[in-house]
Amino acid sequence: MAIGMDRETGKAVQNIDHLRQSIRDILATRIGTRTMLRDYGSNIPALVDRPINRATIAAIRSDMINALNIWEPRIKIKQVVLSEVLASGSVTFDLYLTYLPNGEEIALRGVNI
């Protein structure tokens, strides 16, 4: 059971809630910005100003998979599905995963980037 701290409230979080927070942190952290762990994160923040088209969505999906495969050992990614493109320029994905600590198949819906 993975236990961490909620970055908003300071309260303890565990299991899937901890996983969701970890995934969001990995995807939102620009590579090269974490002191003492320069390779941590993803290239997704560098794609923020690109137009939302098929090429950008493919780049986001690819980088999402690469970053999570490297930095989140508790999961095996089954599928990444674009669920929404917002007028603000952000995109929302649904992640279908195997949570390796217990083998549970889970869907993390609404991962916003």
PDB file of N, CA and C in Angstrom:
ATOM      1  N   MET A   1       0.852  -1.169   0.000  1.00  0.00           N
ATOM      2  CA  MET A   1       0.000   0.000   0.000  1.00  0.00           C
ATOM      3  C   MET A   1       0.900   1.236   0.000  1.00  0.00           C
ATOM      4  N   ALA A   2       0.794   2.032  -1.075  1.00  0.00           N
ATOM      5  CA  ALA A   2       1.578   3.252  -1.178  1.00  0.00           C
ATOM      6  C   ALA A   2       0.859   4.370  -0.440  1.00  0.00           C
ATOM      7  N   ILE A   3       1.569   5.004   0.445  1.00  0.00           N
ATOM      8  CA  ILE A   3       0.987   6.112   1.195  1.00  0.00           C
ATOM      9  C   ILE A   3       1.822   7.352   0.923  1.00  0.00           C
ATOM     10  N   GLY A   4       1.148   8.435   0.655  1.00  0.00           N
ATOM     11  CA  GLY A   4       1.818   9.704   0.419  1.00  0.00           C
ATOM     12  C   GLY A   4       1.007  10.818   1.033  1.00  0.00           C
ATOM     13  N   MET A   5       1.358  12.042   0.648  1.00  0.00           N
ATOM     14  CA  MET A   5       0.676  13.204   1.184  1.00  0.00           C
ATOM     15  C   MET A   5      -0.021  13.937   0.052  1.00  0.00           C
ATOM     16  N   ASP A   6      -1.267  14.301   0.267  1.00  0.00           N
ATOM     17  CA  ASP A   6      -2.024  15.070  -0.712  1.00  0.00           C
ATOM     18  C   ASP A   6      -1.388  16.439  -0.842  1.00  0.00           C
ATOM     19  N   ARG A   7      -1.050  16.814  -2.052  1.00  0.00           N
ATOM     20  CA  ARG A   7      -0.353  18.074  -2.275  1.00  0.00           C
ATOM     21  C   ARG A   7      -1.233  19.285  -2.003  1.00  0.00           C
ATOM     22  N   GLU A   8      -2.547  19.123  -1.971  1.00  0.00           N
ATOM     23  CA  GLU A   8      -3.469  20.234  -1.711  1.00  0.00           C
ATOM     24  C   GLU A   8      -3.798  20.381  -0.223  1.00  0.00           C
ATOM     25  N   THR A   9      -4.073  19.249   0.441  1.00  0.00           N
ATOM     26  CA  THR A   9      -4.571  19.303   1.823  1.00  0.00           C
ATOM     27  C   THR A   9      -3.538  18.927   2.872  1.00  0.00           C
ATOM     28  N   GLY A  10      -2.498  18.213   2.469  1.00  0.00           N
ATOM     29  CA  GLY A  10      -1.507  17.732   3.428  1.00  0.00           C
ATOM     30  C   GLY A  10      -1.925  16.453   4.128  1.00  0.00           C
ATOM     31  N   LYS A  11      -3.123  15.963   3.824  1.00  0.00           N
ATOM     32  CA  LYS A  11      -3.605  14.730   4.436  1.00  0.00           C
ATOM     33  C   LYS A  11      -3.009  13.524   3.712  1.00  0.00           C
ATOM     34  N   ALA A  12      -3.064  12.383   4.369  1.00  0.00           N
ATOM     35  CA  ALA A  12      -2.545  11.158   3.782  1.00  0.00           C
ATOM     36  C   ALA A  12      -3.410  10.718   2.602  1.00  0.00           C
ATOM     37  N   VAL A  13      -2.750  10.250   1.550  1.00  0.00           N
ATOM     38  CA  VAL A  13      -3.442   9.640   0.415  1.00  0.00           C
ATOM     39  C   VAL A  13      -2.793   8.297   0.163  1.00  0.00           C
ATOM     40  N   GLN A  14      -3.557   7.371  -0.386  1.00  0.00           N
ATOM     41  CA  GLN A  14      -3.000   6.049  -0.649  1.00  0.00           C
ATOM     42  C   GLN A  14      -3.653   5.417  -1.869  1.00  0.00           C
ATOM     43  N   ASN A  15      -3.057   4.356  -2.311  1.00  0.00           N
ATOM     44  CA  ASN A  15      -3.551   3.531  -3.404  1.00  0.00           C
ATOM     45  C   ASN A  15      -3.864   4.352  -4.651  1.00  0.00           C
ATOM     46  N   ILE A  16      -5.084   4.272  -5.163  1.00  0.00           N
ATOM     47  CA  ILE A  16      -5.430   4.892  -6.438  1.00  0.00           C
ATOM     48  C   ILE A  16      -5.356   6.419  -6.360  1.00  0.00           C
ATOM     49  N   ASP A  17      -5.741   7.005  -5.238  1.00  0.00           N
ATOM     50  CA  ASP A  17      -5.637   8.462  -5.094  1.00  0.00           C
ATOM     51  C   ASP A  17      -4.176   8.908  -5.145  1.00  0.00           C
ATOM     52  N   HIS A  18      -3.310   8.146  -4.516  1.00  0.00           N
ATOM     53  CA  HIS A  18      -1.879   8.437  -4.552  1.00  0.00           C
ATOM     54  C   HIS A  18      -1.344   8.265  -5.971  1.00  0.00           C
ATOM     55  N   LEU A  19      -1.794   7.222  -6.640  1.00  0.00           N
ATOM     56  CA  LEU A  19      -1.384   6.966  -8.022  1.00  0.00           C
ATOM     57  C   LEU A  19      -1.802   8.114  -8.931  1.00  0.00           C
ATOM     58  N   ARG A  20      -3.040   8.560  -8.831  1.00  0.00           N
ATOM     59  CA  ARG A  20      -3.536   9.665  -9.670  1.00  0.00           C
ATOM     60  C   ARG A  20      -2.684  10.920  -9.453  1.00  0.00           C
ATOM     61  N   GLN A  21      -2.370  11.228  -8.198  1.00  0.00           N
ATOM     62  CA  GLN A  21      -1.548  12.397  -7.899  1.00  0.00           C
ATOM     63  C   GLN A  21      -0.147  12.236  -8.482  1.00  0.00           C
ATOM     64  N   SER A  22       0.410  11.057  -8.372  1.00  0.00           N
ATOM     65  CA  SER A  22       1.744  10.791  -8.904  1.00  0.00           C
ATOM     66  C   SER A  22       1.775  10.945 -10.424  1.00  0.00           C
ATOM     67  N   ILE A  23       0.767  10.405 -11.097  1.00  0.00           N
ATOM     68  CA  ILE A  23       0.696  10.509 -12.553  1.00  0.00           C
ATOM     69  C   ILE A  23       0.612  11.964 -12.981  1.00  0.00           C
ATOM     70  N   ARG A  24      -0.222  12.719 -12.312  1.00  0.00           N
ATOM     71  CA  ARG A  24      -0.359  14.147 -12.636  1.00  0.00           C
ATOM     72  C   ARG A  24       0.969  14.879 -12.435  1.00  0.00           C
ATOM     73  N   ASP A  25       1.685  14.556 -11.364  1.00  0.00           N
ATOM     74  CA  ASP A  25       2.975  15.187 -11.092  1.00  0.00           C
ATOM     75  C   ASP A  25       3.998  14.848 -12.172  1.00  0.00           C
ATOM     76  N   ILE A  26       4.059  13.590 -12.561  1.00  0.00           N
ATOM     77  CA  ILE A  26       5.006  13.165 -13.604  1.00  0.00           C
ATOM     78  C   ILE A  26       4.717  13.907 -14.904  1.00  0.00           C
ATOM     79  N   LEU A  27       3.459  13.928 -15.315  1.00  0.00           N
ATOM     80  CA  LEU A  27       3.105  14.515 -16.599  1.00  0.00           C
ATOM     81  C   LEU A  27       3.231  16.034 -16.612  1.00  0.00           C
ATOM     82  N   ALA A  28       3.035  16.682 -15.481  1.00  0.00           N
ATOM     83  CA  ALA A  28       3.072  18.148 -15.418  1.00  0.00           C
ATOM     84  C   ALA A  28       4.469  18.711 -15.160  1.00  0.00           C
ATOM     85  N   THR A  29       5.417  17.861 -14.802  1.00  0.00           N
ATOM     86  CA  THR A  29       6.772  18.334 -14.495  1.00  0.00           C
ATOM     87  C   THR A  29       7.628  18.316 -15.758  1.00  0.00           C
ATOM     88  N   ARG A  30       8.146  19.473 -16.116  1.00  0.00           N
ATOM     89  CA  ARG A  30       9.013  19.585 -17.296  1.00  0.00           C
ATOM     90  C   ARG A  30      10.366  18.927 -16.999  1.00  0.00           C
ATOM     91  N   ILE A  31      10.809  18.075 -17.901  1.00  0.00           N
ATOM     92  CA  ILE A  31      12.121  17.433 -17.752  1.00  0.00           C
ATOM     93  C   ILE A  31      13.182  18.514 -17.592  1.00  0.00           C
ATOM     94  N   GLY A  32      14.082  18.298 -16.633  1.00  0.00           N
ATOM     95  CA  GLY A  32      15.178  19.232 -16.389  1.00  0.00           C
ATOM     96  C   GLY A  32      14.918  20.225 -15.279  1.00  0.00           C
ATOM     97  N   THR A  33      13.706  20.228 -14.715  1.00  0.00           N
ATOM     98  CA  THR A  33      13.383  21.220 -13.690  1.00  0.00           C
ATOM     99  C   THR A  33      13.454  20.693 -12.269  1.00  0.00           C
ATOM    100  N   ARG A  34      13.554  19.416 -12.074  1.00  0.00           N
ATOM    101  CA  ARG A  34      13.579  18.838 -10.723  1.00  0.00           C
ATOM    102  C   ARG A  34      15.042  18.721 -10.280  1.00  0.00           C
ATOM    103  N   THR A  35      15.407  19.467  -9.245  1.00  0.00           N
ATOM    104  CA  THR A  35      16.766  19.431  -8.719  1.00  0.00           C
ATOM    105  C   THR A  35      17.102  18.028  -8.239  1.00  0.00           C
ATOM    106  N   MET A  36      18.275  17.572  -8.544  1.00  0.00           N
ATOM    107  CA  MET A  36      18.791  16.256  -8.150  1.00  0.00           C
ATOM    108  C   MET A  36      18.108  15.093  -8.881  1.00  0.00           C
ATOM    109  N   LEU A  37      17.172  15.381  -9.742  1.00  0.00           N
ATOM    110  CA  LEU A  37      16.499  14.336 -10.505  1.00  0.00           C
ATOM    111  C   LEU A  37      16.112  14.941 -11.861  1.00  0.00           C
ATOM    112  N   ARG A  38      17.125  15.357 -12.607  1.00  0.00           N
ATOM    113  CA  ARG A  38      16.924  16.134 -13.830  1.00  0.00           C
ATOM    114  C   ARG A  38      16.138  15.408 -14.915  1.00  0.00           C
ATOM    115  N   ASP A  39      16.151  14.079 -14.926  1.00  0.00           N
ATOM    116  CA  ASP A  39      15.434  13.323 -15.960  1.00  0.00           C
ATOM    117  C   ASP A  39      13.965  13.101 -15.621  1.00  0.00           C
ATOM    118  N   TYR A  40      13.541  13.465 -14.423  1.00  0.00           N
ATOM    119  CA  TYR A  40      12.167  13.232 -13.971  1.00  0.00           C
ATOM    120  C   TYR A  40      11.177  14.110 -14.730  1.00  0.00           C
ATOM    121  N   GLY A  41      10.032  13.556 -15.060  1.00  0.00           N
ATOM    122  CA  GLY A  41       8.950  14.321 -15.670  1.00  0.00           C
ATOM    123  C   GLY A  41       8.667  13.883 -17.091  1.00  0.00           C
ATOM    124  N   SER A  42       8.122  14.827 -17.853  1.00  0.00           N
ATOM    125  CA  SER A  42       7.762  14.538 -19.238  1.00  0.00           C
ATOM    126  C   SER A  42       8.038  15.762 -20.109  1.00  0.00           C
ATOM    127  N   ASN A  43       7.900  15.567 -21.400  1.00  0.00           N
ATOM    128  CA  ASN A  43       8.042  16.673 -22.346  1.00  0.00           C
ATOM    129  C   ASN A  43       6.702  17.346 -22.633  1.00  0.00           C
ATOM    130  N   ILE A  44       5.650  16.898 -21.981  1.00  0.00           N
ATOM    131  CA  ILE A  44       4.318  17.443 -22.238  1.00  0.00           C
ATOM    132  C   ILE A  44       4.246  18.952 -21.976  1.00  0.00           C
ATOM    133  N   PRO A  45       4.855  19.476 -20.914  1.00  0.00           N
ATOM    134  CA  PRO A  45       4.786  20.933 -20.728  1.00  0.00           C
ATOM    135  C   PRO A  45       5.376  21.722 -21.901  1.00  0.00           C
ATOM    136  N   ALA A  46       6.293  21.142 -22.648  1.00  0.00           N
ATOM    137  CA  ALA A  46       6.866  21.823 -23.812  1.00  0.00           C
ATOM    138  C   ALA A  46       5.890  21.858 -24.989  1.00  0.00           C
ATOM    139  N   LEU A  47       4.835  21.049 -24.927  1.00  0.00           N
ATOM    140  CA  LEU A  47       3.859  20.990 -26.014  1.00  0.00           C
ATOM    141  C   LEU A  47       2.665  21.914 -25.786  1.00  0.00           C
ATOM    142  N   VAL A  48       2.671  22.636 -24.679  1.00  0.00           N
ATOM    143  CA  VAL A  48       1.525  23.439 -24.259  1.00  0.00           C
ATOM    144  C   VAL A  48       1.090  24.451 -25.315  1.00  0.00           C
ATOM    145  N   ASP A  49       2.002  25.101 -25.972  1.00  0.00           N
ATOM    146  CA  ASP A  49       1.644  26.166 -26.908  1.00  0.00           C
ATOM    147  C   ASP A  49       1.419  25.695 -28.332  1.00  0.00           C
ATOM    148  N   ARG A  50       1.520  24.423 -28.557  1.00  0.00           N
ATOM    149  CA  ARG A  50       1.280  23.903 -29.909  1.00  0.00           C
ATOM    150  C   ARG A  50      -0.216  23.827 -30.187  1.00  0.00           C
ATOM    151  N   PRO A  51      -0.574  23.931 -31.462  1.00  0.00           N
ATOM    152  CA  PRO A  51      -1.999  23.779 -31.787  1.00  0.00           C
ATOM    153  C   PRO A  51      -2.472  22.362 -31.461  1.00  0.00           C
ATOM    154  N   ILE A  52      -3.708  22.244 -31.014  1.00  0.00           N
ATOM    155  CA  ILE A  52      -4.254  20.930 -30.698  1.00  0.00           C
ATOM    156  C   ILE A  52      -4.732  20.294 -32.003  1.00  0.00           C
ATOM    157  N   ASN A  53      -3.871  19.446 -32.556  1.00  0.00           N
ATOM    158  CA  ASN A  53      -4.213  18.718 -33.770  1.00  0.00           C
ATOM    159  C   ASN A  53      -3.750  17.277 -33.593  1.00  0.00           C
ATOM    160  N   ARG A  54      -3.897  16.480 -34.620  1.00  0.00           N
ATOM    161  CA  ARG A  54      -3.548  15.058 -34.504  1.00  0.00           C
ATOM    162  C   ARG A  54      -2.086  14.841 -34.139  1.00  0.00           C
ATOM    163  N   ALA A  55      -1.206  15.644 -34.721  1.00  0.00           N
ATOM    164  CA  ALA A  55       0.223  15.481 -34.445  1.00  0.00           C
ATOM    165  C   ALA A  55       0.543  15.798 -32.980  1.00  0.00           C
ATOM    166  N   THR A  56      -0.033  16.864 -32.465  1.00  0.00           N
ATOM    167  CA  THR A  56       0.213  17.232 -31.068  1.00  0.00           C
ATOM    168  C   THR A  56      -0.378  16.198 -30.129  1.00  0.00           C
ATOM    169  N   ILE A  57      -1.575  15.739 -30.419  1.00  0.00           N
ATOM    170  CA  ILE A  57      -2.199  14.724 -29.575  1.00  0.00           C
ATOM    171  C   ILE A  57      -1.384  13.432 -29.592  1.00  0.00           C
ATOM    172  N   ALA A  58      -0.862  13.057 -30.746  1.00  0.00           N
ATOM    173  CA  ALA A  58      -0.010  11.861 -30.834  1.00  0.00           C
ATOM    174  C   ALA A  58       1.274  12.050 -30.034  1.00  0.00           C
ATOM    175  N   ALA A  59       1.843  13.263 -30.092  1.00  0.00           N
ATOM    176  CA  ALA A  59       3.065  13.542 -29.330  1.00  0.00           C
ATOM    177  C   ALA A  59       2.790  13.484 -27.833  1.00  0.00           C
ATOM    178  N   ILE A  60       1.659  14.039 -27.405  1.00  0.00           N
ATOM    179  CA  ILE A  60       1.296  14.000 -25.981  1.00  0.00           C
ATOM    180  C   ILE A  60       1.100  12.559 -25.532  1.00  0.00           C
ATOM    181  N   ARG A  61       0.352  11.796 -26.306  1.00  0.00           N
ATOM    182  CA  ARG A  61       0.078  10.395 -25.960  1.00  0.00           C
ATOM    183  C   ARG A  61       1.392   9.605 -25.865  1.00  0.00           C
ATOM    184  N   SER A  62       2.257   9.792 -26.838  1.00  0.00           N
ATOM    185  CA  SER A  62       3.534   9.084 -26.843  1.00  0.00           C
ATOM    186  C   SER A  62       4.391   9.450 -25.640  1.00  0.00           C
ATOM    187  N   ASP A  63       4.484  10.748 -25.355  1.00  0.00           N
ATOM    188  CA  ASP A  63       5.299  11.173 -24.222  1.00  0.00           C
ATOM    189  C   ASP A  63       4.685  10.748 -22.901  1.00  0.00           C
ATOM    190  N   MET A  64       3.369  10.743 -22.841  1.00  0.00           N
ATOM    191  CA  MET A  64       2.677  10.285 -21.641  1.00  0.00           C
ATOM    192  C   MET A  64       3.049   8.831 -21.344  1.00  0.00           C
ATOM    193  N   ILE A  65       2.989   7.992 -22.352  1.00  0.00           N
ATOM    194  CA  ILE A  65       3.320   6.577 -22.181  1.00  0.00           C
ATOM    195  C   ILE A  65       4.782   6.405 -21.789  1.00  0.00           C
ATOM    196  N   ASN A  66       5.677   7.111 -22.473  1.00  0.00           N
ATOM    197  CA  ASN A  66       7.109   6.997 -22.157  1.00  0.00           C
ATOM    198  C   ASN A  66       7.411   7.438 -20.729  1.00  0.00           C
ATOM    199  N   ALA A  67       6.896   8.595 -20.336  1.00  0.00           N
ATOM    200  CA  ALA A  67       7.180   9.118 -18.994  1.00  0.00           C
ATOM    201  C   ALA A  67       6.625   8.206 -17.909  1.00  0.00           C
ATOM    202  N   LEU A  68       5.405   7.713 -18.102  1.00  0.00           N
ATOM    203  CA  LEU A  68       4.807   6.850 -17.074  1.00  0.00           C
ATOM    204  C   LEU A  68       5.505   5.496 -17.016  1.00  0.00           C
ATOM    205  N   ASN A  69       5.952   4.983 -18.152  1.00  0.00           N
ATOM    206  CA  ASN A  69       6.700   3.723 -18.127  1.00  0.00           C
ATOM    207  C   ASN A  69       8.012   3.857 -17.353  1.00  0.00           C
ATOM    208  N   ILE A  70       8.614   5.024 -17.422  1.00  0.00           N
ATOM    209  CA  ILE A  70       9.877   5.255 -16.717  1.00  0.00           C
ATOM    210  C   ILE A  70       9.655   5.536 -15.232  1.00  0.00           C
ATOM    211  N   TRP A  71       8.705   6.416 -14.909  1.00  0.00           N
ATOM    212  CA  TRP A  71       8.600   6.969 -13.561  1.00  0.00           C
ATOM    213  C   TRP A  71       7.496   6.405 -12.685  1.00  0.00           C
ATOM    214  N   GLU A  72       6.612   5.592 -13.217  1.00  0.00           N
ATOM    215  CA  GLU A  72       5.540   5.050 -12.383  1.00  0.00           C
ATOM    216  C   GLU A  72       5.530   3.526 -12.479  1.00  0.00           C
ATOM    217  N   PRO A  73       6.340   2.876 -11.625  1.00  0.00           N
ATOM    218  CA  PRO A  73       6.488   1.416 -11.706  1.00  0.00           C
ATOM    219  C   PRO A  73       5.277   0.627 -11.208  1.00  0.00           C
ATOM    220  N   ARG A  74       4.288   1.303 -10.626  1.00  0.00           N
ATOM    221  CA  ARG A  74       3.116   0.589 -10.103  1.00  0.00           C
ATOM    222  C   ARG A  74       2.080   0.268 -11.167  1.00  0.00           C
ATOM    223  N   ILE A  75       2.310   0.721 -12.404  1.00  0.00           N
ATOM    224  CA  ILE A  75       1.288   0.520 -13.429  1.00  0.00           C
ATOM    225  C   ILE A  75       1.842  -0.116 -14.695  1.00  0.00           C
ATOM    226  N   LYS A  76       0.942  -0.757 -15.414  1.00  0.00           N
ATOM    227  CA  LYS A  76       1.189  -1.181 -16.784  1.00  0.00           C
ATOM    228  C   LYS A  76       0.083  -0.537 -17.608  1.00  0.00           C
ATOM    229  N   ILE A  77       0.457   0.261 -18.586  1.00  0.00           N
ATOM    230  CA  ILE A  77      -0.512   0.999 -19.390  1.00  0.00           C
ATOM    231  C   ILE A  77      -1.124   0.070 -20.425  1.00  0.00           C
ATOM    232  N   LYS A  78      -2.446   0.049 -20.460  1.00  0.00           N
ATOM    233  CA  LYS A  78      -3.183  -0.733 -21.450  1.00  0.00           C
ATOM    234  C   LYS A  78      -3.613   0.144 -22.629  1.00  0.00           C
ATOM    235  N   GLN A  79      -4.117   1.332 -22.307  1.00  0.00           N
ATOM    236  CA  GLN A  79      -4.646   2.195 -23.353  1.00  0.00           C
ATOM    237  C   GLN A  79      -4.696   3.637 -22.860  1.00  0.00           C
ATOM    238  N   VAL A  80      -4.439   4.562 -23.785  1.00  0.00           N
ATOM    239  CA  VAL A  80      -4.564   5.998 -23.518  1.00  0.00           C
ATOM    240  C   VAL A  80      -5.549   6.542 -24.542  1.00  0.00           C
ATOM    241  N   VAL A  81      -6.651   7.117 -24.068  1.00  0.00           N
ATOM    242  CA  VAL A  81      -7.714   7.575 -24.957  1.00  0.00           C
ATOM    243  C   VAL A  81      -7.966   9.063 -24.734  1.00  0.00           C
ATOM    244  N   LEU A  82      -7.933   9.828 -25.815  1.00  0.00           N
ATOM    245  CA  LEU A  82      -8.308  11.234 -25.740  1.00  0.00           C
ATOM    246  C   LEU A  82      -9.804  11.302 -25.478  1.00  0.00           C
ATOM    247  N   SER A  83     -10.203  12.018 -24.432  1.00  0.00           N
ATOM    248  CA  SER A  83     -11.627  12.090 -24.131  1.00  0.00           C
ATOM    249  C   SER A  83     -12.220  13.469 -24.386  1.00  0.00           C
ATOM    250  N   GLU A  84     -11.384  14.518 -24.353  1.00  0.00           N
ATOM    251  CA  GLU A  84     -11.931  15.858 -24.544  1.00  0.00           C
ATOM    252  C   GLU A  84     -10.829  16.845 -24.897  1.00  0.00           C
ATOM    253  N   VAL A  85     -11.142  17.754 -25.808  1.00  0.00           N
ATOM    254  CA  VAL A  85     -10.273  18.883 -26.116  1.00  0.00           C
ATOM    255  C   VAL A  85     -11.056  20.126 -25.711  1.00  0.00           C
ATOM    256  N   LEU A  86     -10.488  20.889 -24.792  1.00  0.00           N
ATOM    257  CA  LEU A  86     -11.183  22.065 -24.266  1.00  0.00           C
ATOM    258  C   LEU A  86     -10.796  23.318 -25.052  1.00  0.00           C
ATOM    259  N   ALA A  87     -11.681  24.278 -25.075  1.00  0.00           N
ATOM    260  CA  ALA A  87     -11.428  25.535 -25.774  1.00  0.00           C
ATOM    261  C   ALA A  87     -10.204  26.256 -25.214  1.00  0.00           C
ATOM    262  N   SER A  88      -9.891  26.006 -23.961  1.00  0.00           N
ATOM    263  CA  SER A  88      -8.725  26.637 -23.319  1.00  0.00           C
ATOM    264  C   SER A  88      -7.405  26.097 -23.850  1.00  0.00           C
ATOM    265  N   GLY A  89      -7.462  25.005 -24.637  1.00  0.00           N
ATOM    266  CA  GLY A  89      -6.257  24.409 -25.186  1.00  0.00           C
ATOM    267  C   GLY A  89      -5.778  23.199 -24.419  1.00  0.00           C
ATOM    268  N   SER A  90      -6.432  22.874 -23.317  1.00  0.00           N
ATOM    269  CA  SER A  90      -6.028  21.675 -22.585  1.00  0.00           C
ATOM    270  C   SER A  90      -6.764  20.458 -23.135  1.00  0.00           C
ATOM    271  N   VAL A  91      -6.178  19.315 -22.910  1.00  0.00           N
ATOM    272  CA  VAL A  91      -6.778  18.064 -23.366  1.00  0.00           C
ATOM    273  C   VAL A  91      -6.943  17.138 -22.174  1.00  0.00           C
ATOM    274  N   THR A  92      -7.936  16.287 -22.257  1.00  0.00           N
ATOM    275  CA  THR A  92      -8.223  15.336 -21.195  1.00  0.00           C
ATOM    276  C   THR A  92      -8.131  13.928 -21.761  1.00  0.00           C
ATOM    277  N   PHE A  93      -7.428  13.077 -21.040  1.00  0.00           N
ATOM    278  CA  PHE A  93      -7.246  11.689 -21.439  1.00  0.00           C
ATOM    279  C   PHE A  93      -7.825  10.767 -20.384  1.00  0.00           C
ATOM    280  N   ASP A  94      -8.219   9.586 -20.832  1.00  0.00           N
ATOM    281  CA  ASP A  94      -8.575   8.504 -19.934  1.00  0.00           C
ATOM    282  C   ASP A  94      -7.472   7.461 -20.052  1.00  0.00           C
ATOM    283  N   LEU A  95      -6.967   7.016 -18.913  1.00  0.00           N
ATOM    284  CA  LEU A  95      -5.913   6.009 -18.876  1.00  0.00           C
ATOM    285  C   LEU A  95      -6.488   4.691 -18.377  1.00  0.00           C
ATOM    286  N   TYR A  96      -6.232   3.648 -19.123  1.00  0.00           N
ATOM    287  CA  TYR A  96      -6.656   2.304 -18.730  1.00  0.00           C
ATOM    288  C   TYR A  96      -5.392   1.535 -18.380  1.00  0.00           C
ATOM    289  N   LEU A  97      -5.330   1.069 -17.138  1.00  0.00           N
ATOM    290  CA  LEU A  97      -4.095   0.549 -16.567  1.00  0.00           C
ATOM    291  C   LEU A  97      -4.320  -0.750 -15.815  1.00  0.00           C
ATOM    292  N   THR A  98      -3.219  -1.450 -15.607  1.00  0.00           N
ATOM    293  CA  THR A  98      -3.190  -2.507 -14.616  1.00  0.00           C
ATOM    294  C   THR A  98      -2.398  -1.959 -13.434  1.00  0.00           C
ATOM    295  N   TYR A  99      -3.025  -1.956 -12.274  1.00  0.00           N
ATOM    296  CA  TYR A  99      -2.376  -1.501 -11.042  1.00  0.00           C
ATOM    297  C   TYR A  99      -1.610  -2.708 -10.499  1.00  0.00           C
ATOM    298  N   LEU A 100      -0.301  -2.713 -10.686  1.00  0.00           N
ATOM    299  CA  LEU A 100       0.515  -3.895 -10.424  1.00  0.00           C
ATOM    300  C   LEU A 100       0.550  -4.379  -8.981  1.00  0.00           C
ATOM    301  N   PRO A 101       0.432  -3.504  -7.966  1.00  0.00           N
ATOM    302  CA  PRO A 101       0.456  -4.040  -6.597  1.00  0.00           C
ATOM    303  C   PRO A 101      -0.613  -5.099  -6.312  1.00  0.00           C
ATOM    304  N   ASN A 102      -1.771  -4.984  -6.991  1.00  0.00           N
ATOM    305  CA  ASN A 102      -2.804  -5.998  -6.741  1.00  0.00           C
ATOM    306  C   ASN A 102      -3.380  -6.612  -8.021  1.00  0.00           C
ATOM    307  N   GLY A 103      -2.858  -6.205  -9.188  1.00  0.00           N
ATOM    308  CA  GLY A 103      -3.317  -6.762 -10.458  1.00  0.00           C
ATOM    309  C   GLY A 103      -4.646  -6.224 -10.941  1.00  0.00           C
ATOM    310  N   GLU A 104      -5.187  -5.228 -10.251  1.00  0.00           N
ATOM    311  CA  GLU A 104      -6.498  -4.680 -10.590  1.00  0.00           C
ATOM    312  C   GLU A 104      -6.435  -3.870 -11.888  1.00  0.00           C
ATOM    313  N   GLU A 105      -7.432  -4.075 -12.737  1.00  0.00           N
ATOM    314  CA  GLU A 105      -7.589  -3.264 -13.942  1.00  0.00           C
ATOM    315  C   GLU A 105      -8.339  -2.003 -13.532  1.00  0.00           C
ATOM    316  N   ILE A 106      -7.767  -0.838 -13.830  1.00  0.00           N
ATOM    317  CA  ILE A 106      -8.413   0.411 -13.421  1.00  0.00           C
ATOM    318  C   ILE A 106      -8.484   1.383 -14.595  1.00  0.00           C
ATOM    319  N   ALA A 107      -9.421   2.291 -14.505  1.00  0.00           N
ATOM    320  CA  ALA A 107      -9.554   3.379 -15.472  1.00  0.00           C
ATOM    321  C   ALA A 107      -9.418   4.694 -14.711  1.00  0.00           C
ATOM    322  N   LEU A 108      -8.430   5.456 -15.069  1.00  0.00           N
ATOM    323  CA  LEU A 108      -8.272   6.807 -14.504  1.00  0.00           C
ATOM    324  C   LEU A 108      -8.816   7.765 -15.544  1.00  0.00           C
ATOM    325  N   ARG A 109     -10.009   8.201 -15.317  1.00  0.00           N
ATOM    326  CA  ARG A 109     -10.667   9.096 -16.273  1.00  0.00           C
ATOM    327  C   ARG A 109     -10.406  10.548 -15.895  1.00  0.00           C
ATOM    328  N   GLY A 110     -10.301  11.361 -16.925  1.00  0.00           N
ATOM    329  CA  GLY A 110     -10.191  12.798 -16.688  1.00  0.00           C
ATOM    330  C   GLY A 110      -8.810  13.275 -16.309  1.00  0.00           C
ATOM    331  N   VAL A 111      -7.763  12.675 -16.857  1.00  0.00           N
ATOM    332  CA  VAL A 111      -6.404  13.166 -16.627  1.00  0.00           C
ATOM    333  C   VAL A 111      -6.221  14.361 -17.540  1.00  0.00           C
ATOM    334  N   ASN A 112      -6.200  15.544 -16.952  1.00  0.00           N
ATOM    335  CA  ASN A 112      -6.176  16.790 -17.717  1.00  0.00           C
ATOM    336  C   ASN A 112      -4.757  17.301 -17.864  1.00  0.00           C
ATOM    337  N   ILE A 113      -4.432  17.701 -19.098  1.00  0.00           N
ATOM    338  CA  ILE A 113      -3.096  18.231 -19.380  1.00  0.00           C
ATOM    339  C   ILE A 113      -3.261  19.572 -20.086  1.00  0.00           C
TER     340      ILE A 113
END
